[in-house]
Amino acid sequence: MAIFRPFKAIRPLPEYAERVAALPYDVMNSKEAAKMVEGNPYSFLHVDKAEIDLPEDTDLYSEQVYLKARENLDKLVSDGICKQDEENRFYIYRQIMNGRSQTGLVGCVSIDDYINNIIKKHEFTRADKEADRINHVDYCDANTGPIFLTYRPQAEISAIVSEWCKSHTPEHDFVNDDGIANTVWVIDCTETNAKISALFNAVDYLYIADGHHRAASAVKVGLKRREQFPDYDGSEEFNFFLAVLFACDELEIMDYNRVMKDLNGNTPEQFVEKISEKFSVELYGDNAYKPEKAHTFGMLLDGKWYKLTAKGGSFNADDPVESLDVSILQNNLISPVLDIQDPRTDKRIDFVGGIRGLGELERRASEDMCLAFSMYPTTLKELMDIADADKIMPPKSTWFEPKLLSGLFIHKLK
């Protein structure tokens, strides 16, 4: 039984929404962020990556940065760029990319549901990345970026969302620099909001699609507030955090491809011979090979593309983690042949999101790398099956597009 409730969002006024909305903080570095905000004092990157407004040599994790983030957030409100709604509401957020749309509900989920595994996870988090967002949420006293959650489709919820979008004028409707359409509706009907909350009470589980570190950080700040206010009754805003909930049939996972720096001392011929123990290897030609089904892989070596197919017996088909393509490639090739044991930390491997296309693999393989693999995308079913089994996916298993923009909805913790 999931808790999902409306809230009083701080939102940009309609005329400023396009300039405020920004890509999430973790998809660019500080220099890229500084370049992106040139000429735009309203960009939410001034909040999410506040170091861009401080001297270049500033420690990214210093108190200065978090104080500046709070100052910039407060300024958006005091300058009349953003304003807090007076009533608790849900919001509908639709994105359209390359003709495919995804429509979700924006509201707040419970930190207790996270703790009690009603909100299911499929990734480990790193303490250093958590610490940064804990400080950011704590100093801003706000969730500034939504967590990307999914759930199994519910016909009644979908019908409410669809009908509201058809019968109401959107509050925001713009296309960002990446060509992605972003549309927001405000559900300002108390009865409709209550109905949505009640319907989610019948949903057994929510699943983190993207944003594990932000979710963990939001929860830890909420627990910190409980220590600060021991008389809390559970209704306070710090007991909840900002999320966008999408039915899983609204979403698409893209491929998350791999590039390697060397062949671990093997010649190309030796390498092909070794991997042939676990994969059938078929020369494909000069054109890039994009896998069309699970357990097949594209390989770019010495300027030539190959099609690899995992041989029977190379993985346990009954294990939801071992049967993932990213696991098959890691366990049968990357680890034993290339001796890359920890892809999280080894500098000899890098990862390329499917949004970049296979041309990016060809570029990398000819410049700073020598080997590339194109992957078949992980599915939403695989993600949820693994989370249901309380297991963890290998690193870099999923790539979601489009990214949820930050700055359109801000959740204050009090």
Protein backbone atom coordinates (compact mmCIF):
# COMPACT_ATOMS: atom_id res chain seq x y z
CA MET A 1 0.00 0.00 0.00
CA ALA A 2 1.81 3.09 -1.29
CA ILE A 3 1.40 6.57 0.15
CA PHE A 4 1.27 9.31 -2.48
CA ARG A 5 0.01 12.74 -1.53
CA PRO A 6 -0.39 16.19 -3.08
CA PHE A 7 1.73 19.11 -1.91
CA LYS A 8 2.16 22.88 -2.25
CA ALA A 9 4.79 23.08 -4.94
CA ILE A 10 7.05 26.04 -5.47
CA ARG A 11 6.83 26.51 -9.23
CA PRO A 12 8.00 29.01 -11.83
CA LEU A 13 5.42 31.44 -13.13
CA PRO A 14 4.31 30.38 -16.63
CA GLU A 15 6.35 33.07 -18.37
CA TYR A 16 9.56 31.89 -16.67
CA ALA A 17 9.13 28.10 -16.77
CA GLU A 18 11.22 27.47 -19.86
CA ARG A 19 14.13 29.54 -18.51
CA VAL A 20 14.00 28.03 -15.02
CA ALA A 21 13.73 24.36 -16.05
CA ALA A 22 17.11 22.64 -16.28
CA LEU A 23 18.59 19.21 -16.81
CA PRO A 24 19.37 17.33 -13.58
CA TYR A 25 22.58 18.21 -11.79
CA ASP A 26 24.32 14.89 -12.43
CA VAL A 27 24.32 14.88 -16.24
CA MET A 28 26.93 17.62 -16.64
CA ASN A 29 30.04 18.91 -14.88
CA SER A 30 30.48 22.39 -13.42
CA LYS A 31 32.10 23.88 -16.52
CA GLU A 32 29.34 22.57 -18.74
CA ALA A 33 26.72 23.92 -16.33
CA ALA A 34 28.37 27.35 -16.30
CA LYS A 35 28.28 27.41 -20.09
CA MET A 36 24.63 26.34 -20.17
CA VAL A 37 23.46 29.19 -17.91
CA GLU A 38 25.19 31.99 -19.77
CA GLY A 39 22.67 34.81 -20.20
CA ASN A 40 20.09 33.02 -18.04
CA PRO A 41 20.07 34.10 -14.38
CA TYR A 42 16.89 32.08 -13.76
CA SER A 43 18.22 28.62 -14.66
CA PHE A 44 17.71 26.11 -11.88
CA LEU A 45 21.34 25.09 -12.31
CA HIS A 46 22.11 28.13 -10.13
CA VAL A 47 20.44 26.10 -7.36
CA ASP A 48 21.40 22.54 -8.27
CA LYS A 49 25.02 23.39 -9.14
CA ALA A 50 25.54 26.58 -7.18
CA GLU A 51 29.32 26.37 -7.50
CA ILE A 52 28.91 28.00 -10.92
CA ASP A 53 28.26 31.29 -9.06
CA LEU A 54 31.41 31.00 -6.91
CA PRO A 55 35.15 31.26 -7.72
CA GLU A 56 36.44 28.43 -9.93
CA ASP A 57 38.69 26.98 -7.23
CA THR A 58 35.79 26.54 -4.77
CA ASP A 59 35.54 23.06 -3.25
CA LEU A 60 32.39 21.54 -4.79
CA TYR A 61 31.39 20.10 -1.42
CA SER A 62 32.12 23.09 0.77
CA GLU A 63 29.46 24.77 2.89
CA GLN A 64 29.79 27.82 0.62
CA VAL A 65 28.20 25.89 -2.24
CA TYR A 66 25.19 24.74 -0.22
CA LEU A 67 24.64 28.18 1.29
CA LYS A 68 24.75 29.66 -2.22
CA ALA A 69 22.20 27.08 -3.39
CA ARG A 70 19.83 28.13 -0.60
CA GLU A 71 20.39 31.81 -1.42
CA ASN A 72 19.68 31.25 -5.11
CA LEU A 73 16.54 29.23 -4.36
CA ASP A 74 15.23 31.92 -2.03
CA LYS A 75 15.99 34.56 -4.66
CA LEU A 76 13.87 32.80 -7.29
CA VAL A 77 10.93 33.21 -4.91
CA SER A 78 11.71 36.72 -3.63
CA ASP A 79 12.22 38.00 -7.19
CA GLY A 80 8.82 36.65 -8.23
CA ILE A 81 10.21 34.07 -10.66
CA CYS A 82 8.76 31.19 -8.66
CA LYS A 83 5.80 31.07 -6.31
CA GLN A 84 4.43 28.49 -3.90
CA ASP A 85 0.92 27.15 -4.45
CA GLU A 86 -1.55 27.88 -1.65
CA GLU A 87 -3.26 24.47 -1.74
CA ASN A 88 -1.98 20.89 -1.87
CA ARG A 89 -2.12 19.60 -5.41
CA PHE A 90 -0.94 16.88 -7.73
CA TYR A 91 0.59 17.85 -11.06
CA ILE A 92 0.76 16.05 -14.39
CA TYR A 93 4.09 16.15 -16.21
CA ARG A 94 4.31 15.01 -19.84
CA GLN A 95 7.43 14.80 -21.99
CA ILE A 96 7.55 14.03 -25.69
CA MET A 97 10.81 12.99 -27.31
CA ASN A 98 11.10 11.83 -30.91
CA GLY A 99 7.34 11.35 -31.05
CA ARG A 100 7.17 9.13 -27.93
CA SER A 101 5.42 10.54 -24.87
CA GLN A 102 5.62 9.69 -21.18
CA THR A 103 3.10 11.14 -18.74
CA GLY A 104 3.50 11.01 -14.97
CA LEU A 105 2.00 12.36 -11.76
CA VAL A 106 4.02 14.68 -9.55
CA GLY A 107 3.52 14.46 -5.81
CA CYS A 108 5.22 13.30 -2.61
CA VAL A 109 5.98 9.78 -1.43
CA SER A 110 6.73 8.59 2.09
CA ILE A 111 10.18 8.11 3.59
CA ASP A 112 8.66 5.23 5.58
CA ASP A 113 7.63 3.51 2.34
CA TYR A 114 11.28 3.80 1.25
CA ILE A 115 12.53 2.39 4.55
CA ASN A 116 9.95 -0.44 4.53
CA ASN A 117 10.67 -1.37 0.90
CA ILE A 118 7.28 -0.35 -0.43
CA ILE A 119 9.48 1.82 -2.65
CA LYS A 120 11.78 -0.79 -4.16
CA LYS A 121 15.39 -0.23 -5.21
CA HIS A 122 17.65 -1.98 -7.69
CA GLU A 123 20.98 -0.16 -7.21
CA PHE A 124 23.57 0.35 -4.53
CA THR A 125 24.36 3.97 -3.59
CA ARG A 126 27.72 5.56 -2.84
CA ALA A 127 28.22 7.39 0.45
CA ASP A 128 30.11 10.30 -1.15
CA LYS A 129 27.35 10.98 -3.69
CA GLU A 130 24.73 10.69 -0.97
CA ALA A 131 26.58 13.15 1.27
CA ASP A 132 26.50 15.86 -1.39
CA ARG A 133 22.74 15.63 -1.92
CA ILE A 134 22.07 15.27 1.81
CA ASN A 135 23.78 18.62 2.34
CA HIS A 136 21.98 20.15 -0.64
CA VAL A 137 18.53 19.08 0.58
CA ASP A 138 19.37 19.99 4.19
CA TYR A 139 20.64 23.50 3.47
CA CYS A 140 17.91 24.27 0.93
CA ASP A 141 15.32 22.69 3.23
CA ALA A 142 13.76 21.39 0.04
CA ASN A 143 13.69 18.54 -2.46
CA THR A 144 14.83 20.33 -5.60
CA GLY A 145 14.91 17.41 -8.03
CA PRO A 146 12.14 14.80 -8.46
CA ILE A 147 12.81 11.09 -8.04
CA PHE A 148 11.81 9.05 -11.08
CA LEU A 149 9.46 6.24 -9.92
CA THR A 150 7.40 3.69 -11.79
CA TYR A 151 4.56 1.30 -10.99
CA ARG A 152 2.54 -1.37 -12.70
CA PRO A 153 -0.28 0.18 -14.78
CA GLN A 154 -3.56 1.02 -13.04
CA ALA A 155 -6.48 1.64 -15.41
CA GLU A 156 -8.34 4.06 -13.12
CA ILE A 157 -5.28 6.22 -12.53
CA SER A 158 -4.51 6.32 -16.25
CA ALA A 159 -8.12 7.30 -17.02
CA ILE A 160 -8.03 10.22 -14.57
CA VAL A 161 -4.76 11.52 -16.00
CA SER A 162 -5.93 11.16 -19.58
CA GLU A 163 -9.26 12.89 -18.96
CA TRP A 164 -7.65 15.77 -17.06
CA CYS A 165 -5.18 16.42 -19.88
CA LYS A 166 -7.97 16.40 -22.47
CA SER A 167 -10.27 18.74 -20.58
CA HIS A 168 -7.85 21.27 -19.03
CA THR A 169 -5.40 23.82 -20.35
CA PRO A 170 -1.76 23.14 -19.40
CA GLU A 171 0.06 25.53 -17.10
CA HIS A 172 3.40 25.11 -18.89
CA ASP A 173 4.03 23.97 -22.44
CA PHE A 174 7.45 24.46 -24.00
CA VAL A 175 10.16 22.72 -25.99
CA ASN A 176 13.64 22.82 -24.47
CA ASP A 177 16.97 23.11 -26.28
CA ASP A 178 17.14 19.35 -26.80
CA GLY A 179 13.88 19.39 -28.74
CA ILE A 180 11.91 17.69 -25.96
CA ALA A 181 8.38 18.96 -25.33
CA ASN A 182 7.53 19.53 -21.66
CA THR A 183 3.91 20.06 -20.59
CA VAL A 184 2.52 20.54 -17.07
CA TRP A 185 -1.08 20.48 -15.86
CA VAL A 186 -2.14 21.47 -12.35
CA ILE A 187 -4.82 19.29 -10.74
CA ASP A 188 -6.63 21.93 -8.71
CA CYS A 189 -9.63 19.78 -7.78
CA THR A 190 -9.68 18.54 -4.18
CA GLU A 191 -11.89 15.56 -5.00
CA THR A 192 -9.66 14.44 -7.88
CA ASN A 193 -6.55 14.72 -5.76
CA ALA A 194 -8.18 12.67 -3.00
CA LYS A 195 -9.20 10.04 -5.53
CA ILE A 196 -5.64 9.76 -6.87
CA SER A 197 -4.24 9.32 -3.35
CA ALA A 198 -6.83 6.64 -2.59
CA LEU A 199 -6.04 4.74 -5.79
CA PHE A 200 -2.33 4.69 -4.97
CA ASN A 201 -3.18 3.29 -1.54
CA ALA A 202 -4.15 0.14 -3.45
CA VAL A 203 -0.81 0.00 -5.31
CA ASP A 204 1.44 -2.57 -3.66
CA TYR A 205 4.85 -1.24 -4.69
CA LEU A 206 6.61 1.67 -6.34
CA TYR A 207 9.97 1.19 -8.05
CA ILE A 208 12.86 3.61 -8.40
CA ALA A 209 13.60 3.93 -12.10
CA ASP A 210 16.24 6.64 -11.70
CA GLY A 211 17.46 8.71 -8.77
CA HIS A 212 18.65 6.24 -6.13
CA HIS A 213 21.10 8.72 -4.59
CA ARG A 214 18.56 11.55 -4.47
CA ALA A 215 15.99 9.24 -2.88
CA ALA A 216 18.41 7.95 -0.23
CA SER A 217 19.54 11.50 0.53
CA ALA A 218 15.97 12.79 0.86
CA VAL A 219 15.14 9.99 3.27
CA LYS A 220 18.21 10.66 5.42
CA VAL A 221 17.35 14.35 5.68
CA GLY A 222 13.81 13.38 6.69
CA LEU A 223 15.20 11.12 9.44
CA LYS A 224 17.46 13.94 10.57
CA ARG A 225 14.44 16.25 10.87
CA ARG A 226 12.67 13.62 12.97
CA GLU A 227 15.59 13.74 15.39
CA GLN A 228 15.44 17.53 15.44
CA PHE A 229 11.68 17.52 16.04
CA PRO A 230 11.00 14.45 18.22
CA ASP A 231 7.34 15.45 18.67
CA TYR A 232 6.61 14.98 14.96
CA ASP A 233 3.28 13.31 14.15
CA GLY A 234 4.10 12.01 10.66
CA SER A 235 2.17 14.62 8.70
CA GLU A 236 5.06 17.08 8.42
CA GLU A 237 6.51 17.67 4.97
CA PHE A 238 9.92 16.32 5.96
CA ASN A 239 8.32 12.87 6.17
CA PHE A 240 7.85 12.94 2.40
CA PHE A 241 9.93 13.58 -0.70
CA LEU A 242 9.31 14.75 -4.25
CA ALA A 243 8.67 12.18 -6.98
CA VAL A 244 7.19 11.76 -10.44
CA LEU A 245 5.30 8.48 -10.83
CA PHE A 246 4.95 6.87 -14.26
CA ALA A 247 3.09 3.70 -15.13
CA CYS A 248 5.74 1.35 -16.49
CA ASP A 249 4.02 1.12 -19.88
CA GLU A 250 4.72 4.86 -20.32
CA LEU A 251 8.49 4.35 -20.14
CA GLU A 252 11.28 3.08 -22.34
CA ILE A 253 14.76 2.04 -21.24
CA MET A 254 17.49 2.74 -23.78
CA ASP A 255 20.63 0.70 -24.34
CA TYR A 256 23.64 1.45 -22.14
CA ASN A 257 26.73 0.59 -24.15
CA ARG A 258 30.33 -0.16 -23.21
CA VAL A 259 33.77 0.92 -24.49
CA MET A 260 37.15 -0.47 -23.39
CA LYS A 261 40.64 0.96 -23.54
CA ASP A 262 42.62 -2.23 -24.32
CA LEU A 263 42.39 -5.98 -24.95
CA ASN A 264 44.27 -6.92 -21.76
CA GLY A 265 47.40 -7.92 -23.67
CA ASN A 266 45.60 -10.01 -26.29
CA THR A 267 45.90 -9.59 -30.03
CA PRO A 268 42.55 -9.17 -31.78
CA GLU A 269 42.81 -12.78 -33.00
CA GLN A 270 43.56 -14.10 -29.50
CA PHE A 271 40.73 -12.03 -28.08
CA VAL A 272 38.17 -13.39 -30.56
CA GLU A 273 39.37 -16.93 -29.89
CA LYS A 274 38.93 -16.53 -26.13
CA ILE A 275 35.46 -14.99 -26.27
CA SER A 276 34.32 -17.72 -28.68
CA GLU A 277 34.18 -20.11 -25.70
CA LYS A 278 31.06 -18.36 -24.40
CA PHE A 279 29.76 -16.49 -27.47
CA SER A 280 29.21 -17.31 -31.09
CA VAL A 281 31.07 -14.66 -33.08
CA GLU A 282 29.79 -13.62 -36.50
CA LEU A 283 31.48 -10.98 -38.69
CA TYR A 284 28.78 -8.40 -39.41
CA GLY A 285 30.54 -5.92 -41.70
CA ASP A 286 31.17 -2.20 -41.83
CA ASN A 287 27.70 -1.14 -40.68
CA ALA A 288 27.05 -0.83 -36.96
CA TYR A 289 25.17 -3.71 -35.38
CA LYS A 290 22.37 -2.82 -32.99
CA PRO A 291 21.11 -5.92 -31.12
CA GLU A 292 17.53 -6.85 -31.97
CA LYS A 293 16.89 -9.21 -29.06
CA ALA A 294 18.20 -10.19 -25.65
CA HIS A 295 21.47 -12.15 -25.30
CA THR A 296 22.90 -10.69 -28.51
CA PHE A 297 25.60 -8.02 -28.60
CA GLY A 298 27.34 -5.84 -31.14
CA MET A 299 31.13 -5.73 -30.94
CA LEU A 300 33.37 -3.20 -32.69
CA LEU A 301 36.97 -4.38 -32.95
CA ASP A 302 39.66 -3.17 -35.35
CA GLY A 303 37.10 -1.15 -37.29
CA LYS A 304 34.84 -4.14 -37.92
CA TRP A 305 31.47 -4.95 -36.37
CA TYR A 306 30.63 -8.41 -35.10
CA LYS A 307 27.44 -9.98 -33.81
CA LEU A 308 27.89 -11.94 -30.59
CA THR A 309 25.31 -14.41 -29.28
CA ALA A 310 25.60 -15.86 -25.77
CA LYS A 311 25.92 -19.62 -25.87
CA GLY A 312 23.65 -21.86 -23.83
CA GLY A 313 25.06 -22.63 -20.42
CA SER A 314 26.91 -19.31 -20.12
CA PHE A 315 24.30 -17.97 -17.67
CA ASN A 316 21.50 -19.08 -15.37
CA ALA A 317 18.26 -18.25 -17.16
CA ASP A 318 16.30 -18.59 -13.92
CA ASP A 319 18.29 -15.90 -12.10
CA PRO A 320 16.89 -12.40 -12.88
CA VAL A 321 20.31 -10.77 -12.38
CA GLU A 322 22.57 -13.34 -14.04
CA SER A 323 20.30 -13.48 -17.10
CA LEU A 324 20.59 -9.73 -17.75
CA ASP A 325 22.63 -8.94 -20.84
CA VAL A 326 24.87 -6.59 -18.84
CA SER A 327 25.61 -9.49 -16.45
CA ILE A 328 26.23 -11.96 -19.28
CA LEU A 329 28.75 -9.65 -20.91
CA GLN A 330 30.42 -8.79 -17.60
CA ASN A 331 30.62 -12.35 -16.26
CA ASN A 332 31.65 -14.10 -19.48
CA LEU A 333 33.82 -11.53 -21.23
CA ILE A 334 34.61 -8.27 -19.45
CA SER A 335 35.72 -9.88 -16.20
CA PRO A 336 37.44 -13.14 -17.30
CA VAL A 337 38.95 -11.99 -20.62
CA LEU A 338 39.58 -8.27 -20.09
CA ASP A 339 40.22 -8.56 -16.32
CA ILE A 340 37.92 -5.64 -15.51
CA GLN A 341 36.54 -6.85 -12.20
CA ASP A 342 34.85 -3.69 -10.91
CA PRO A 343 33.31 -1.65 -13.73
CA ARG A 344 32.37 1.07 -11.23
CA THR A 345 36.00 2.03 -10.60
CA ASP A 346 38.17 0.57 -13.39
CA LYS A 347 39.43 3.35 -15.69
CA ARG A 348 39.78 0.92 -18.61
CA ILE A 349 36.01 0.85 -19.18
CA ASP A 350 33.51 3.60 -19.91
CA PHE A 351 29.79 3.69 -20.60
CA VAL A 352 27.84 5.42 -23.37
CA GLY A 353 24.11 6.07 -23.08
CA GLY A 354 22.03 4.93 -26.02
CA ILE A 355 20.88 8.49 -26.64
CA ARG A 356 24.35 9.11 -28.12
CA GLY A 357 23.86 6.51 -30.85
CA LEU A 358 26.23 3.86 -32.16
CA GLY A 359 28.22 6.52 -33.98
CA GLU A 360 29.55 7.57 -30.59
CA LEU A 361 30.87 4.04 -30.05
CA GLU A 362 32.66 4.21 -33.40
CA ARG A 363 34.16 7.57 -32.49
CA ARG A 364 35.37 6.40 -29.08
CA ALA A 365 36.77 3.13 -30.46
CA SER A 366 38.88 5.06 -32.96
CA GLU A 367 40.05 7.78 -30.57
CA ASP A 368 40.59 6.96 -26.89
CA MET A 369 39.31 3.35 -26.77
CA CYS A 370 39.85 0.24 -28.90
CA LEU A 371 36.83 -1.94 -28.27
CA ALA A 372 33.08 -1.26 -28.04
CA PHE A 373 29.92 -3.25 -27.32
CA SER A 374 26.38 -2.30 -28.27
CA MET A 375 23.73 -3.69 -25.92
CA TYR A 376 20.10 -4.73 -26.06
CA PRO A 377 18.19 -2.55 -23.56
CA THR A 378 17.20 -3.84 -20.14
CA THR A 379 13.41 -4.02 -19.85
CA LEU A 380 11.11 -2.54 -17.21
CA LYS A 381 9.96 -6.08 -16.39
CA GLU A 382 13.54 -7.13 -15.69
CA LEU A 383 14.05 -4.08 -13.48
CA MET A 384 10.91 -4.77 -11.44
CA ASP A 385 11.56 -8.51 -11.21
CA ILE A 386 15.00 -7.83 -9.77
CA ALA A 387 13.66 -5.27 -7.31
CA ASP A 388 10.89 -7.68 -6.27
CA ALA A 389 13.54 -10.32 -5.60
CA ASP A 390 15.41 -7.79 -3.41
CA LYS A 391 18.42 -8.11 -5.69
CA ILE A 392 20.71 -5.48 -7.18
CA MET A 393 21.32 -4.79 -10.84
CA PRO A 394 24.89 -4.49 -12.14
CA PRO A 395 26.15 -0.92 -12.58
CA LYS A 396 25.14 0.98 -15.70
CA SER A 397 22.26 -1.34 -16.55
CA THR A 398 19.62 1.25 -17.49
CA TRP A 399 19.50 4.53 -19.36
CA PHE A 400 16.24 6.48 -19.28
CA GLU A 401 15.37 9.25 -21.70
CA PRO A 402 14.11 11.89 -21.61
CA LYS A 403 15.53 13.16 -18.32
CA LEU A 404 13.12 14.80 -15.88
CA LEU A 405 13.80 18.51 -15.71
CA SER A 406 14.53 20.16 -12.38
CA GLY A 407 13.02 23.44 -11.23
CA LEU A 408 9.46 22.88 -12.39
CA PHE A 409 8.44 21.52 -8.97
CA ILE A 410 10.15 22.18 -5.63
CA HIS A 411 9.02 20.56 -2.39
CA LYS A 412 9.73 22.49 0.82
CA LEU A 413 10.33 20.37 3.91
CA LYS A 414 8.31 22.71 6.13
